[in-house]
């Protein structure tokens, strides 16, 4: 059997199913309730179903039951298989240990900065500074609120996001200053 294709969404679904068997809608709702949708894209319900289908084909999950309640659509409850539990642990270990080659938009935009005028670039970067400041404030408030009732283990991804946002904010402020002062020209 070939190694199943790893994805953040597949890892999240396997992780949720490691807690207990559940149906797709419940998985998606729990991810949102726990604010894990800040790090896992579950906005499109179809992608959740497609990923569950792939995990089922790969033997990482199996159908526990299929039910229909009165006028509601059929609901399939999935459970994690032992190979699924092993793959989940393997994926998590790899994701934690090995930096992935990712392609976020911001570094790509920086790579093509000369396509804008210095004034246009500085204006866009000032707007980013304001957005980063708002995001950082919201994240800090959320972390402070969560600390009142959640163990730290359940918010470490937000601690990481806060550190990354703070570093990005510092960098973007310095870059904006360099453009404004003429230390970066094109």
N, C-alpha and C. Protein backbone atom coordinates (compact mmCIF):
# COMPACT_ATOMS: atom_id res chain seq x y z
N UNK A 1 0.84 -1.19 0.00
CA UNK A 1 0.00 0.00 0.00
C UNK A 1 0.89 1.25 0.00
N UNK A 2 0.58 2.18 -0.87
CA UNK A 2 1.33 3.44 -0.93
C UNK A 2 1.01 4.29 0.29
N UNK A 3 1.96 5.12 0.68
CA UNK A 3 1.73 6.01 1.81
C UNK A 3 0.67 7.04 1.43
N UNK A 4 -0.36 7.18 2.24
CA UNK A 4 -1.41 8.15 1.93
C UNK A 4 -0.86 9.57 1.87
N UNK A 5 -1.46 10.40 1.00
CA UNK A 5 -1.05 11.78 0.83
C UNK A 5 -1.41 12.58 2.07
N UNK A 6 -0.40 13.25 2.61
CA UNK A 6 -0.57 14.05 3.82
C UNK A 6 -1.13 15.42 3.46
N UNK A 7 -2.02 15.93 4.30
CA UNK A 7 -2.49 17.31 4.20
C UNK A 7 -2.88 17.76 5.60
N UNK A 8 -2.91 19.06 5.79
CA UNK A 8 -3.29 19.60 7.09
C UNK A 8 -4.73 19.21 7.41
N UNK A 9 -5.62 19.30 6.41
CA UNK A 9 -7.02 18.95 6.65
C UNK A 9 -7.16 17.46 7.00
N UNK A 10 -6.46 16.60 6.27
CA UNK A 10 -6.54 15.16 6.57
C UNK A 10 -6.02 14.87 7.98
N UNK A 11 -4.93 15.51 8.36
CA UNK A 11 -4.39 15.34 9.71
C UNK A 11 -5.41 15.79 10.75
N UNK A 12 -6.07 16.92 10.51
CA UNK A 12 -7.05 17.44 11.46
C UNK A 12 -8.24 16.48 11.60
N UNK A 13 -8.71 15.95 10.48
CA UNK A 13 -9.84 15.02 10.52
C UNK A 13 -9.47 13.74 11.27
N UNK A 14 -8.30 13.21 11.00
CA UNK A 14 -7.85 12.02 11.73
C UNK A 14 -7.73 12.32 13.21
N UNK A 15 -7.20 13.49 13.55
CA UNK A 15 -7.04 13.86 14.95
C UNK A 15 -8.39 13.95 15.65
N UNK A 16 -9.37 14.55 14.99
CA UNK A 16 -10.71 14.65 15.58
C UNK A 16 -11.31 13.26 15.79
N UNK A 17 -11.12 12.39 14.81
CA UNK A 17 -11.67 11.04 14.92
C UNK A 17 -10.90 10.19 15.93
N UNK A 18 -9.71 10.62 16.33
CA UNK A 18 -8.98 9.89 17.37
C UNK A 18 -9.65 10.08 18.73
N UNK A 19 -10.47 11.11 18.86
CA UNK A 19 -11.19 11.36 20.10
C UNK A 19 -12.38 10.43 20.25
N UNK A 20 -13.15 10.30 19.15
CA UNK A 20 -14.34 9.44 19.14
C UNK A 20 -14.90 9.41 17.73
N UNK A 21 -15.71 8.39 17.41
CA UNK A 21 -16.35 8.38 16.10
C UNK A 21 -17.32 9.56 15.98
N UNK A 22 -17.39 10.13 14.78
CA UNK A 22 -18.32 11.24 14.54
C UNK A 22 -18.58 11.40 13.06
N UNK A 23 -19.59 12.19 12.75
CA UNK A 23 -19.94 12.46 11.35
C UNK A 23 -19.27 13.75 10.90
N UNK A 24 -19.27 13.96 9.59
CA UNK A 24 -18.53 15.07 8.99
C UNK A 24 -18.94 16.42 9.55
N UNK A 25 -20.23 16.65 9.69
CA UNK A 25 -20.68 17.95 10.18
C UNK A 25 -20.19 18.20 11.61
N UNK A 26 -20.22 17.17 12.44
CA UNK A 26 -19.76 17.30 13.82
C UNK A 26 -18.26 17.61 13.87
N UNK A 27 -17.48 16.96 13.01
CA UNK A 27 -16.04 17.22 12.94
C UNK A 27 -15.81 18.70 12.59
N UNK A 28 -16.49 19.16 11.55
CA UNK A 28 -16.33 20.54 11.10
C UNK A 28 -16.74 21.52 12.20
N UNK A 29 -17.85 21.24 12.88
CA UNK A 29 -18.31 22.13 13.95
C UNK A 29 -17.33 22.17 15.12
N UNK A 30 -16.78 21.02 15.51
CA UNK A 30 -15.81 20.99 16.60
C UNK A 30 -14.56 21.77 16.26
N UNK A 31 -14.10 21.64 15.03
CA UNK A 31 -12.93 22.40 14.60
C UNK A 31 -13.20 23.89 14.73
N UNK A 32 -14.40 24.32 14.34
CA UNK A 32 -14.76 25.73 14.45
C UNK A 32 -14.94 26.15 15.91
N UNK A 33 -15.64 25.34 16.69
CA UNK A 33 -15.85 25.67 18.11
C UNK A 33 -14.54 25.83 18.86
N UNK A 34 -13.57 25.03 18.51
CA UNK A 34 -12.27 25.07 19.17
C UNK A 34 -11.33 26.09 18.53
N UNK A 35 -11.82 26.82 17.56
CA UNK A 35 -11.06 27.84 16.84
C UNK A 35 -9.85 27.26 16.11
N UNK A 36 -9.91 25.99 15.78
CA UNK A 36 -8.84 25.38 15.00
C UNK A 36 -8.98 25.74 13.52
N UNK A 37 -10.11 26.36 13.16
CA UNK A 37 -10.28 26.81 11.79
C UNK A 37 -9.38 28.01 11.49
N UNK A 38 -8.68 28.50 12.50
CA UNK A 38 -7.66 29.53 12.28
C UNK A 38 -6.39 28.92 11.68
N UNK A 39 -6.23 27.61 11.81
CA UNK A 39 -5.03 26.94 11.29
C UNK A 39 -5.35 25.82 10.30
N UNK A 40 -6.63 25.46 10.19
CA UNK A 40 -7.08 24.41 9.27
C UNK A 40 -8.27 24.96 8.50
N UNK A 41 -8.20 24.94 7.18
CA UNK A 41 -9.28 25.48 6.36
C UNK A 41 -10.41 24.47 6.23
N UNK A 42 -11.51 24.74 6.95
CA UNK A 42 -12.70 23.90 6.85
C UNK A 42 -13.90 24.72 6.36
N UNK A 43 -13.60 25.85 5.73
CA UNK A 43 -14.66 26.74 5.27
C UNK A 43 -15.55 26.06 4.23
N UNK A 44 -14.97 25.24 3.39
CA UNK A 44 -15.74 24.54 2.37
C UNK A 44 -16.10 23.13 2.86
N UNK A 45 -17.35 22.91 3.17
CA UNK A 45 -17.78 21.60 3.67
C UNK A 45 -17.43 20.50 2.67
N UNK A 46 -17.48 20.83 1.37
CA UNK A 46 -17.17 19.85 0.35
C UNK A 46 -15.75 19.31 0.49
N UNK A 47 -14.79 20.18 0.86
CA UNK A 47 -13.41 19.70 1.01
C UNK A 47 -13.30 18.73 2.19
N UNK A 48 -14.11 18.93 3.23
CA UNK A 48 -14.13 18.00 4.36
C UNK A 48 -14.62 16.63 3.87
N UNK A 49 -15.72 16.62 3.11
CA UNK A 49 -16.26 15.36 2.60
C UNK A 49 -15.30 14.69 1.63
N UNK A 50 -14.67 15.45 0.76
CA UNK A 50 -13.71 14.87 -0.18
C UNK A 50 -12.53 14.25 0.56
N UNK A 51 -12.07 14.93 1.59
CA UNK A 51 -10.93 14.41 2.36
C UNK A 51 -11.34 13.16 3.12
N UNK A 52 -12.55 13.14 3.69
CA UNK A 52 -13.05 11.94 4.37
C UNK A 52 -13.13 10.77 3.38
N UNK A 53 -13.60 11.03 2.17
CA UNK A 53 -13.67 9.98 1.14
C UNK A 53 -12.28 9.41 0.85
N UNK A 54 -11.30 10.31 0.75
CA UNK A 54 -9.92 9.87 0.48
C UNK A 54 -9.38 9.04 1.64
N UNK A 55 -9.64 9.49 2.89
CA UNK A 55 -9.17 8.75 4.07
C UNK A 55 -9.85 7.38 4.14
N UNK A 56 -11.10 7.31 3.74
CA UNK A 56 -11.84 6.05 3.70
C UNK A 56 -11.23 5.11 2.66
N UNK A 57 -10.97 5.63 1.45
CA UNK A 57 -10.35 4.82 0.38
C UNK A 57 -8.97 4.31 0.82
N UNK A 58 -8.24 5.15 1.56
CA UNK A 58 -6.90 4.77 2.00
C UNK A 58 -6.91 3.84 3.22
N UNK A 59 -8.09 3.56 3.75
CA UNK A 59 -8.20 2.65 4.89
C UNK A 59 -7.81 3.28 6.22
N UNK A 60 -7.74 4.61 6.28
CA UNK A 60 -7.35 5.28 7.52
C UNK A 60 -8.53 5.53 8.43
N UNK A 61 -9.73 5.52 7.85
CA UNK A 61 -10.97 5.59 8.62
C UNK A 61 -11.91 4.55 8.04
N UNK A 62 -12.99 4.27 8.77
CA UNK A 62 -14.01 3.36 8.27
C UNK A 62 -15.37 3.86 8.73
N UNK A 63 -16.41 3.39 8.06
CA UNK A 63 -17.77 3.77 8.42
C UNK A 63 -18.17 2.98 9.64
N UNK A 64 -18.63 3.68 10.66
CA UNK A 64 -19.15 3.01 11.86
C UNK A 64 -20.64 2.76 11.69
N UNK A 65 -21.36 3.77 11.18
CA UNK A 65 -22.80 3.63 11.00
C UNK A 65 -23.29 4.67 10.01
N UNK A 66 -24.42 4.35 9.38
CA UNK A 66 -25.11 5.30 8.52
C UNK A 66 -26.54 5.36 9.00
N UNK A 67 -27.01 6.57 9.30
CA UNK A 67 -28.35 6.74 9.87
C UNK A 67 -29.11 7.81 9.10
N UNK A 68 -30.42 7.74 9.20
CA UNK A 68 -31.27 8.78 8.63
C UNK A 68 -32.33 9.10 9.67
N UNK A 69 -32.42 10.35 10.07
CA UNK A 69 -33.43 10.79 11.02
C UNK A 69 -34.52 11.53 10.26
N UNK A 70 -35.73 11.07 10.38
CA UNK A 70 -36.93 11.64 9.74
C UNK A 70 -36.66 12.35 8.43
N UNK A 71 -36.78 13.67 8.39
CA UNK A 71 -36.63 14.42 7.14
C UNK A 71 -35.21 14.91 6.89
N UNK A 72 -34.27 14.37 7.60
CA UNK A 72 -32.88 14.82 7.47
C UNK A 72 -32.14 13.95 6.46
N UNK A 73 -31.06 14.49 5.90
CA UNK A 73 -30.26 13.66 4.98
C UNK A 73 -29.56 12.54 5.74
N UNK A 74 -29.14 11.55 4.99
CA UNK A 74 -28.40 10.44 5.57
C UNK A 74 -27.11 10.95 6.22
N UNK A 75 -26.77 10.40 7.36
CA UNK A 75 -25.58 10.85 8.10
C UNK A 75 -24.69 9.63 8.36
N UNK A 76 -23.42 9.76 7.92
CA UNK A 76 -22.45 8.69 8.09
C UNK A 76 -21.50 9.05 9.22
N UNK A 77 -21.35 8.13 10.16
CA UNK A 77 -20.42 8.31 11.27
C UNK A 77 -19.16 7.49 10.95
N UNK A 78 -18.01 8.16 11.08
CA UNK A 78 -16.73 7.53 10.78
C UNK A 78 -15.96 7.27 12.06
N UNK A 79 -15.08 6.28 12.00
CA UNK A 79 -14.15 6.03 13.11
C UNK A 79 -12.77 5.80 12.54
N UNK A 80 -11.79 6.07 13.38
CA UNK A 80 -10.38 5.92 13.01
C UNK A 80 -10.01 4.44 13.03
N UNK A 81 -9.24 4.01 12.04
CA UNK A 81 -8.72 2.64 12.04
C UNK A 81 -7.34 2.65 12.69
N UNK A 82 -6.81 1.48 12.97
CA UNK A 82 -5.46 1.41 13.54
C UNK A 82 -4.41 1.96 12.56
N UNK A 83 -4.50 1.63 11.25
CA UNK A 83 -3.56 2.28 10.32
C UNK A 83 -3.73 3.80 10.32
N UNK A 84 -4.95 4.29 10.49
CA UNK A 84 -5.19 5.73 10.56
C UNK A 84 -4.52 6.35 11.77
N UNK A 85 -4.59 5.65 12.89
CA UNK A 85 -3.94 6.14 14.13
C UNK A 85 -2.42 6.19 13.93
N UNK A 86 -1.87 5.19 13.27
CA UNK A 86 -0.43 5.16 13.03
C UNK A 86 0.00 6.27 12.07
N UNK A 87 -0.77 6.48 11.00
CA UNK A 87 -0.46 7.54 10.03
C UNK A 87 -0.58 8.91 10.70
N UNK A 88 -1.60 9.10 11.53
CA UNK A 88 -1.77 10.38 12.23
C UNK A 88 -0.52 10.69 13.04
N UNK A 89 -0.02 9.72 13.79
CA UNK A 89 1.18 9.93 14.60
C UNK A 89 2.40 10.22 13.71
N UNK A 90 2.50 9.50 12.60
CA UNK A 90 3.61 9.72 11.66
C UNK A 90 3.54 11.12 11.07
N UNK A 91 2.36 11.52 10.60
CA UNK A 91 2.20 12.86 10.02
C UNK A 91 2.51 13.96 11.03
N UNK A 92 1.97 13.82 12.24
CA UNK A 92 2.22 14.85 13.25
C UNK A 92 3.70 14.96 13.59
N UNK A 93 4.36 13.83 13.72
CA UNK A 93 5.79 13.83 14.01
C UNK A 93 6.56 14.53 12.90
N UNK A 94 6.23 14.21 11.66
CA UNK A 94 6.89 14.83 10.52
C UNK A 94 6.60 16.33 10.45
N UNK A 95 5.35 16.71 10.64
CA UNK A 95 4.97 18.13 10.57
C UNK A 95 5.66 18.94 11.67
N UNK A 96 5.85 18.34 12.82
CA UNK A 96 6.54 19.03 13.91
C UNK A 96 8.04 19.10 13.68
N UNK A 97 8.60 18.05 13.13
CA UNK A 97 10.06 17.93 13.03
C UNK A 97 10.67 18.58 11.78
N UNK A 98 9.95 18.58 10.68
CA UNK A 98 10.53 19.01 9.41
C UNK A 98 9.83 20.24 8.85
N UNK A 99 10.55 21.35 8.73
CA UNK A 99 9.93 22.53 8.10
C UNK A 99 9.49 22.20 6.68
N UNK A 100 8.26 22.60 6.37
CA UNK A 100 7.72 22.33 5.03
C UNK A 100 8.02 23.49 4.09
N UNK A 101 8.13 23.17 2.84
CA UNK A 101 8.30 24.21 1.82
C UNK A 101 6.90 24.70 1.45
N UNK A 102 6.55 25.86 1.99
CA UNK A 102 5.22 26.41 1.78
C UNK A 102 5.33 27.67 0.93
N UNK A 103 4.24 28.06 0.32
CA UNK A 103 4.25 29.19 -0.59
C UNK A 103 3.17 30.21 -0.22
N UNK A 104 3.35 30.91 0.91
CA UNK A 104 2.38 31.94 1.27
C UNK A 104 2.47 33.15 0.34
N UNK A 105 1.41 33.92 0.30
CA UNK A 105 1.32 35.05 -0.62
C UNK A 105 2.29 36.18 -0.31
N UNK A 106 2.48 36.51 0.96
CA UNK A 106 3.26 37.69 1.30
C UNK A 106 4.70 37.62 0.80
N UNK A 107 5.45 36.53 1.05
CA UNK A 107 6.81 36.48 0.50
C UNK A 107 6.82 36.55 -1.03
N UNK A 108 5.80 35.98 -1.66
CA UNK A 108 5.71 36.05 -3.13
C UNK A 108 5.52 37.50 -3.57
N UNK A 109 4.67 38.24 -2.85
CA UNK A 109 4.46 39.65 -3.18
C UNK A 109 5.75 40.45 -2.97
N UNK A 110 6.49 40.14 -1.91
CA UNK A 110 7.77 40.82 -1.68
C UNK A 110 8.75 40.54 -2.83
N UNK A 111 8.70 39.33 -3.36
CA UNK A 111 9.61 38.96 -4.44
C UNK A 111 9.38 39.79 -5.69
N UNK A 112 8.17 40.32 -5.84
CA UNK A 112 7.83 41.09 -7.03
C UNK A 112 7.51 42.55 -6.69
N UNK A 113 8.04 43.02 -5.57
CA UNK A 113 7.83 44.39 -5.11
C UNK A 113 8.13 45.44 -6.17
N UNK A 114 9.18 45.28 -7.00
CA UNK A 114 9.48 46.32 -8.01
C UNK A 114 8.39 46.53 -9.05
N UNK A 115 7.35 45.70 -9.06
CA UNK A 115 6.24 45.92 -9.98
C UNK A 115 5.36 47.08 -9.54
N UNK A 116 5.54 47.53 -8.29
CA UNK A 116 4.84 48.70 -7.78
C UNK A 116 5.82 49.86 -7.70
N UNK A 117 5.29 51.06 -7.59
CA UNK A 117 6.16 52.19 -7.30
C UNK A 117 6.49 52.15 -5.81
N UNK A 118 7.57 52.81 -5.39
CA UNK A 118 7.87 52.86 -3.95
C UNK A 118 6.71 53.42 -3.13
N UNK A 119 6.02 54.41 -3.63
CA UNK A 119 4.88 54.99 -2.91
C UNK A 119 3.74 53.99 -2.77
N UNK A 120 3.46 53.26 -3.85
CA UNK A 120 2.40 52.24 -3.81
C UNK A 120 2.77 51.13 -2.82
N UNK A 121 4.01 50.70 -2.87
CA UNK A 121 4.48 49.64 -1.97
C UNK A 121 4.39 50.10 -0.51
N UNK A 122 4.85 51.32 -0.24
CA UNK A 122 4.82 51.83 1.14
C UNK A 122 3.38 51.94 1.64
N UNK A 123 2.46 52.40 0.80
CA UNK A 123 1.05 52.50 1.20
C UNK A 123 0.47 51.12 1.52
N UNK A 124 0.76 50.16 0.67
CA UNK A 124 0.26 48.79 0.91
C UNK A 124 0.86 48.22 2.19
N UNK A 125 2.14 48.46 2.41
CA UNK A 125 2.80 47.95 3.62
C UNK A 125 2.27 48.64 4.88
N UNK A 126 1.96 49.93 4.79
CA UNK A 126 1.35 50.62 5.94
C UNK A 126 -0.02 50.00 6.26
N UNK A 127 -0.77 49.67 5.23
CA UNK A 127 -2.07 49.01 5.43
C UNK A 127 -1.87 47.64 6.09
N UNK A 128 -0.81 46.94 5.68
CA UNK A 128 -0.52 45.63 6.28
C UNK A 128 -0.14 45.79 7.75
N UNK A 129 0.64 46.83 8.08
CA UNK A 129 1.00 47.09 9.47
C UNK A 129 -0.26 47.25 10.31
N UNK A 130 -1.21 48.05 9.82
CA UNK A 130 -2.45 48.27 10.56
C UNK A 130 -3.22 46.95 10.75
N UNK A 131 -3.29 46.14 9.70
CA UNK A 131 -3.99 44.86 9.78
C UNK A 131 -3.28 43.91 10.75
N UNK A 132 -1.96 43.87 10.69
CA UNK A 132 -1.20 43.01 11.60
C UNK A 132 -1.39 43.44 13.04
N UNK A 133 -1.41 44.75 13.28
CA UNK A 133 -1.64 45.26 14.64
C UNK A 133 -3.01 44.81 15.16
N UNK A 134 -4.04 44.92 14.32
CA UNK A 134 -5.39 44.47 14.72
C UNK A 134 -5.40 42.97 14.99
N UNK A 135 -4.77 42.21 14.09
CA UNK A 135 -4.75 40.75 14.27
C UNK A 135 -4.00 40.36 15.54
N UNK A 136 -2.91 41.05 15.81
CA UNK A 136 -2.11 40.75 17.00
C UNK A 136 -2.89 41.08 18.26
N UNK A 137 -3.59 42.19 18.28
CA UNK A 137 -4.42 42.55 19.43
C UNK A 137 -5.52 41.52 19.66
N UNK A 138 -6.19 41.11 18.59
CA UNK A 138 -7.27 40.13 18.70
C UNK A 138 -6.74 38.79 19.19
N UNK A 139 -5.59 38.39 18.69
CA UNK A 139 -4.99 37.13 19.10
C UNK A 139 -4.57 37.18 20.56
N UNK A 140 -3.99 38.28 20.98
CA UNK A 140 -3.57 38.43 22.38
C UNK A 140 -4.79 38.39 23.30
N UNK A 141 -5.87 39.06 22.90
CA UNK A 141 -7.10 39.04 23.71
C UNK A 141 -7.67 37.62 23.78
N UNK A 142 -7.67 36.93 22.65
CA UNK A 142 -8.16 35.56 22.64
C UNK A 142 -7.33 34.64 23.52
N UNK A 143 -6.02 34.80 23.48
CA UNK A 143 -5.14 34.00 24.33
C UNK A 143 -5.37 34.29 25.80
N UNK A 144 -5.54 35.55 26.13
CA UNK A 144 -5.79 35.92 27.53
C UNK A 144 -7.10 35.32 28.02
N UNK A 145 -8.13 35.37 27.17
CA UNK A 145 -9.41 34.77 27.54
C UNK A 145 -9.34 33.27 27.66
N UNK A 146 -8.64 32.64 26.74
CA UNK A 146 -8.53 31.18 26.76
C UNK A 146 -7.74 30.69 27.97
N UNK A 147 -6.77 31.47 28.41
CA UNK A 147 -5.94 31.08 29.55
C UNK A 147 -6.76 30.89 30.81
N UNK A 148 -7.93 31.51 30.86
CA UNK A 148 -8.79 31.40 32.04
C UNK A 148 -9.43 30.03 32.17
N UNK A 149 -9.57 29.29 31.07
CA UNK A 149 -10.26 28.00 31.16
C UNK A 149 -9.62 26.86 30.37
N UNK A 150 -8.59 27.14 29.59
CA UNK A 150 -7.94 26.09 28.81
C UNK A 150 -6.50 25.89 29.24
N UNK A 151 -6.07 24.65 29.34
CA UNK A 151 -4.64 24.42 29.57
C UNK A 151 -3.84 24.93 28.37
N UNK A 152 -2.62 25.34 28.61
CA UNK A 152 -1.76 25.92 27.58
C UNK A 152 -1.63 25.00 26.37
N UNK A 153 -1.61 23.70 26.59
CA UNK A 153 -1.46 22.73 25.51
C UNK A 153 -2.44 22.98 24.36
N UNK A 154 -3.63 23.49 24.69
CA UNK A 154 -4.67 23.66 23.68
C UNK A 154 -4.63 25.02 22.98
N UNK A 155 -3.63 25.84 23.30
CA UNK A 155 -3.50 27.14 22.63
C UNK A 155 -2.09 27.40 22.12
N UNK A 156 -1.24 26.37 22.10
CA UNK A 156 0.14 26.60 21.65
C UNK A 156 0.20 27.06 20.20
N UNK A 157 -0.75 26.65 19.36
CA UNK A 157 -0.73 27.13 17.99
C UNK A 157 -1.00 28.64 17.94
N UNK A 158 -1.81 29.14 18.87
CA UNK A 158 -2.05 30.59 18.92
C UNK A 158 -0.84 31.33 19.47
N UNK A 159 -0.12 30.72 20.40
CA UNK A 159 1.14 31.32 20.87
C UNK A 159 2.11 31.45 19.70
N UNK A 160 2.21 30.40 18.91
CA UNK A 160 3.08 30.42 17.73
C UNK A 160 2.63 31.50 16.75
N UNK A 161 1.34 31.54 16.45
CA UNK A 161 0.82 32.54 15.52
C UNK A 161 1.09 33.95 16.03
N UNK A 162 0.99 34.16 17.34
CA UNK A 162 1.28 35.48 17.92
C UNK A 162 2.74 35.84 17.71
N UNK A 163 3.64 34.89 17.95
CA UNK A 163 5.07 35.14 17.76
C UNK A 163 5.39 35.45 16.30
N UNK A 164 4.79 34.70 15.38
CA UNK A 164 5.02 34.92 13.96
C UNK A 164 4.46 36.28 13.53
N UNK A 165 3.26 36.61 14.01
CA UNK A 165 2.67 37.91 13.68
C UNK A 165 3.53 39.05 14.21
N UNK A 166 4.02 38.91 15.43
CA UNK A 166 4.86 39.96 16.02
C UNK A 166 6.15 40.13 15.22
N UNK A 167 6.75 39.03 14.80
CA UNK A 167 7.97 39.11 13.99
C UNK A 167 7.67 39.75 12.64
N UNK A 168 6.57 39.35 12.01
CA UNK A 168 6.20 39.94 10.72
C UNK A 168 5.93 41.42 10.87
N UNK A 169 5.23 41.80 11.93
CA UNK A 169 4.94 43.22 12.16
C UNK A 169 6.22 44.03 12.29
N UNK A 170 7.18 43.52 13.04
CA UNK A 170 8.47 44.21 13.17
C UNK A 170 9.17 44.35 11.84
N UNK A 171 9.16 43.30 11.04
CA UNK A 171 9.81 43.33 9.74
C UNK A 171 9.12 44.32 8.80
N UNK A 172 7.79 44.27 8.74
CA UNK A 172 7.06 45.14 7.81
C UNK A 172 7.22 46.60 8.21
N UNK A 173 7.21 46.88 9.51
CA UNK A 173 7.45 48.27 9.95
C UNK A 173 8.84 48.75 9.49
N UNK A 174 9.86 47.91 9.69
CA UNK A 174 11.23 48.29 9.29
C UNK A 174 11.34 48.46 7.78
N UNK A 175 10.71 47.58 7.02
CA UNK A 175 10.74 47.68 5.57
C UNK A 175 10.05 48.96 5.10
N UNK A 176 8.92 49.27 5.70
CA UNK A 176 8.19 50.49 5.35
C UNK A 176 9.05 51.72 5.67
N UNK A 177 9.71 51.70 6.82
CA UNK A 177 10.60 52.80 7.18
C UNK A 177 11.76 52.93 6.18
N UNK A 178 12.31 51.80 5.75
CA UNK A 178 13.42 51.82 4.79
C UNK A 178 12.98 52.42 3.45
N UNK A 179 11.77 52.11 3.01
CA UNK A 179 11.27 52.68 1.76
C UNK A 179 11.07 54.19 1.94
N UNK A 180 10.43 54.56 3.06
CA UNK A 180 10.13 55.99 3.30
C UNK A 180 11.42 56.81 3.43
N UNK A 181 12.46 56.23 4.03
CA UNK A 181 13.73 56.95 4.22
C UNK A 181 14.65 56.87 3.01
N UNK A 182 14.25 56.13 2.00
CA UNK A 182 15.07 56.01 0.80
C UNK A 182 16.22 55.01 0.93
N UNK A 183 16.22 54.21 1.97
CA UNK A 183 17.28 53.19 2.14
C UNK A 183 17.03 51.97 1.24
N UNK A 184 15.80 51.84 0.74
CA UNK A 184 15.47 50.80 -0.22
C UNK A 184 14.87 51.51 -1.43
N UNK A 185 15.56 51.39 -2.54
CA UNK A 185 15.13 52.12 -3.75
C UNK A 185 15.03 51.18 -4.93
N UNK A 186 14.19 51.59 -5.84
CA UNK A 186 14.12 50.94 -7.15
C UNK A 186 13.55 51.89 -8.16
